[in-house]
Amino acid sequence: MKPIKLVPWIVMAVLLVVSLGVASRGRSGPPTDAQRVSRITSEVRCPTCKGLSAAESDAPPARAIRDEVLRRVQAGETDGEIRGYLVSRYGKEILLKPEAKGVATLVWALPVVAVVGAIGGLVLVFRRWRPARSSGEISDDDQALVEKALQP
């Protein structure tokens, strides 16, 4: 590939990376109490509902969790302290995201390893896979077949 053809691709890649970086930062400044409550309760499972977070559920236990989280946020506790309290009260099953410790690390690491391995395998296969090249010489048998096919 000629260098001049690479320039637009490089410029496009740089613009993509910069725009993703700017977009991912979002708004600056500390989150409000309501934003913190929403973030924490969206990471906590509703004790009575299947598959819903405490932020999504309208069940009384979920409302109680939201109220408790709001009270603790207003009291100045950190997100980690609040999660720790909820885990001590309801158990580790209350968290929607497993902790990245011990065996739970495999939950996060195995998909990444699988994707990287699959991409690496595809790269190896495509590098080795090339169409068979002929030597450029035609054998006598092939020449005879072509002449026979061209005769009326």
Protein backbone atom coordinates (compact mmCIF):
# COMPACT_ATOMS: atom_id res chain seq x y z
CA MET A 1 0.00 0.00 0.00
CA LYS A 2 1.31 3.41 -0.92
CA PRO A 3 1.89 5.92 1.90
CA ILE A 4 -0.45 8.46 0.31
CA LYS A 5 -3.35 5.99 0.58
CA LEU A 6 -2.67 5.45 4.30
CA VAL A 7 -2.98 9.13 5.26
CA PRO A 8 -6.83 9.30 5.15
CA TRP A 9 -7.08 6.11 7.21
CA ILE A 10 -4.66 7.41 9.82
CA VAL A 11 -6.50 10.74 10.04
CA MET A 12 -9.83 8.92 10.39
CA ALA A 13 -8.45 6.66 13.15
CA VAL A 14 -7.05 9.64 15.08
CA LEU A 15 -10.37 11.51 14.79
CA LEU A 16 -12.27 8.44 15.97
CA VAL A 17 -10.04 7.97 19.02
CA VAL A 18 -10.20 11.66 19.95
CA SER A 19 -13.99 11.85 19.55
CA LEU A 20 -14.50 8.70 21.63
CA GLY A 21 -12.24 10.11 24.33
CA VAL A 22 -14.12 13.41 24.44
CA ALA A 23 -17.53 11.70 24.42
CA SER A 24 -16.61 9.27 27.19
CA ARG A 25 -15.64 12.04 29.61
CA GLY A 26 -19.18 13.38 29.77
CA ARG A 27 -19.89 16.31 32.03
CA SER A 28 -17.25 17.33 34.48
CA GLY A 29 -17.76 18.12 38.11
CA PRO A 30 -18.89 16.07 41.06
CA PRO A 31 -22.08 14.03 40.69
CA THR A 32 -25.20 15.19 42.48
CA ASP A 33 -26.74 13.17 45.31
CA ALA A 34 -29.48 11.94 42.98
CA GLN A 35 -26.90 10.79 40.40
CA ARG A 36 -24.95 8.91 43.08
CA VAL A 37 -28.11 7.25 44.41
CA SER A 38 -29.10 6.25 40.88
CA ARG A 39 -25.64 4.84 40.13
CA ILE A 40 -25.38 2.86 43.37
CA THR A 41 -28.93 1.47 43.25
CA SER A 42 -28.49 0.46 39.60
CA GLU A 43 -25.58 -1.77 40.70
CA VAL A 44 -27.62 -3.41 43.48
CA ARG A 45 -30.15 -6.18 42.97
CA CYS A 46 -33.71 -5.85 44.26
CA PRO A 47 -34.04 -8.40 47.10
CA THR A 48 -37.49 -9.60 45.99
CA CYS A 49 -37.43 -9.16 42.19
CA LYS A 50 -35.66 -11.41 39.70
CA GLY A 51 -33.29 -9.62 37.38
CA LEU A 52 -34.16 -6.05 38.40
CA SER A 53 -31.95 -3.55 40.10
CA ALA A 54 -33.11 -1.59 43.11
CA ALA A 55 -33.26 1.47 40.83
CA GLU A 56 -35.69 -0.23 38.40
CA SER A 57 -37.98 -1.97 40.88
CA ASP A 58 -41.00 -0.45 42.63
CA ALA A 59 -41.13 -3.20 45.27
CA PRO A 60 -41.11 -2.00 48.90
CA PRO A 61 -37.66 -3.54 49.64
CA ALA A 62 -36.18 -1.73 46.61
CA ARG A 63 -37.72 1.55 47.76
CA ALA A 64 -36.26 0.94 51.21
CA ILE A 65 -32.81 0.38 49.66
CA ARG A 66 -33.10 3.60 47.63
CA ASP A 67 -34.12 5.53 50.76
CA GLU A 68 -31.23 4.04 52.77
CA VAL A 69 -28.73 4.81 50.00
CA LEU A 70 -30.01 8.41 49.80
CA ARG A 71 -29.72 8.79 53.57
CA ARG A 72 -26.14 7.47 53.52
CA VAL A 73 -25.17 9.64 50.52
CA GLN A 74 -26.48 12.72 52.31
CA ALA A 75 -24.55 11.63 55.42
CA GLY A 76 -21.34 11.81 53.35
CA GLU A 77 -20.50 8.12 53.00
CA THR A 78 -18.53 6.97 49.95
CA ASP A 79 -19.99 4.67 47.30
CA GLY A 80 -17.76 1.85 48.53
CA GLU A 81 -18.93 2.26 52.12
CA ILE A 82 -22.56 2.19 51.01
CA ARG A 83 -22.02 -0.94 48.89
CA GLY A 84 -20.19 -2.52 51.83
CA TYR A 85 -23.13 -1.81 54.11
CA LEU A 86 -25.58 -3.35 51.62
CA VAL A 87 -23.38 -6.45 51.23
CA SER A 88 -23.12 -6.83 55.01
CA ARG A 89 -26.90 -6.59 55.32
CA TYR A 90 -28.05 -8.65 52.29
CA GLY A 91 -24.99 -10.71 51.32
CA LYS A 92 -22.79 -10.66 48.20
CA GLU A 93 -25.74 -11.74 46.03
CA ILE A 94 -27.12 -8.20 46.31
CA LEU A 95 -24.46 -6.92 43.87
CA LEU A 96 -25.35 -7.13 40.18
CA LYS A 97 -21.68 -6.92 39.17
CA PRO A 98 -19.41 -9.58 40.68
CA GLU A 99 -16.34 -8.34 42.50
CA ALA A 100 -13.12 -8.69 40.53
CA LYS A 101 -11.45 -10.93 43.12
CA GLY A 102 -10.60 -14.63 43.08
CA VAL A 103 -12.81 -16.80 40.88
CA ALA A 104 -15.01 -13.82 39.98
CA THR A 105 -12.02 -12.44 38.04
CA LEU A 106 -12.55 -15.27 35.55
CA VAL A 107 -16.02 -13.90 34.80
CA TRP A 108 -14.37 -10.74 33.51
CA ALA A 109 -11.14 -12.19 32.09
CA LEU A 110 -12.32 -15.27 30.17
CA PRO A 111 -14.43 -13.43 27.55
CA VAL A 112 -11.56 -11.04 26.85
CA VAL A 113 -9.09 -13.92 26.54
CA ALA A 114 -11.50 -15.80 24.25
CA VAL A 115 -11.96 -12.82 21.92
CA VAL A 116 -8.23 -12.10 21.75
CA GLY A 117 -7.52 -15.79 21.10
CA ALA A 118 -10.15 -15.96 18.37
CA ILE A 119 -8.80 -12.86 16.64
CA GLY A 120 -5.24 -14.21 16.90
CA GLY A 121 -6.35 -17.55 15.46
CA LEU A 122 -8.10 -15.85 12.54
CA VAL A 123 -5.01 -13.76 11.82
CA LEU A 124 -2.85 -16.89 11.73
CA VAL A 125 -5.30 -18.76 9.51
CA PHE A 126 -5.62 -15.89 7.04
CA ARG A 127 -1.85 -15.38 6.88
CA ARG A 128 -1.28 -19.04 6.02
CA TRP A 129 -4.24 -19.32 3.70
CA ARG A 130 -3.18 -18.41 0.20
CA PRO A 131 -4.52 -19.67 -3.10
CA ALA A 132 -2.39 -22.35 -4.71
CA ARG A 133 -0.02 -20.86 -7.24
CA SER A 134 0.80 -22.69 -10.41
CA SER A 135 4.34 -22.90 -11.66
CA GLY A 136 3.33 -21.33 -14.97
CA GLU A 137 4.15 -24.43 -16.98
CA ILE A 138 1.44 -26.48 -18.61
CA SER A 139 1.83 -30.23 -18.50
CA ASP A 140 1.53 -32.31 -21.65
CA ASP A 141 -1.64 -33.96 -20.33
CA ASP A 142 -3.28 -30.59 -19.73
CA GLN A 143 -2.25 -29.35 -23.16
CA ALA A 144 -3.76 -32.46 -24.74
CA LEU A 145 -7.05 -31.94 -22.85
CA VAL A 146 -7.28 -28.33 -24.01
CA GLU A 147 -6.58 -29.25 -27.64
CA LYS A 148 -9.19 -32.02 -27.51
CA ALA A 149 -11.78 -29.63 -26.04
CA LEU A 150 -11.10 -27.01 -28.73
CA GLN A 151 -11.55 -29.43 -31.64
CA PRO A 152 -15.01 -29.28 -33.27
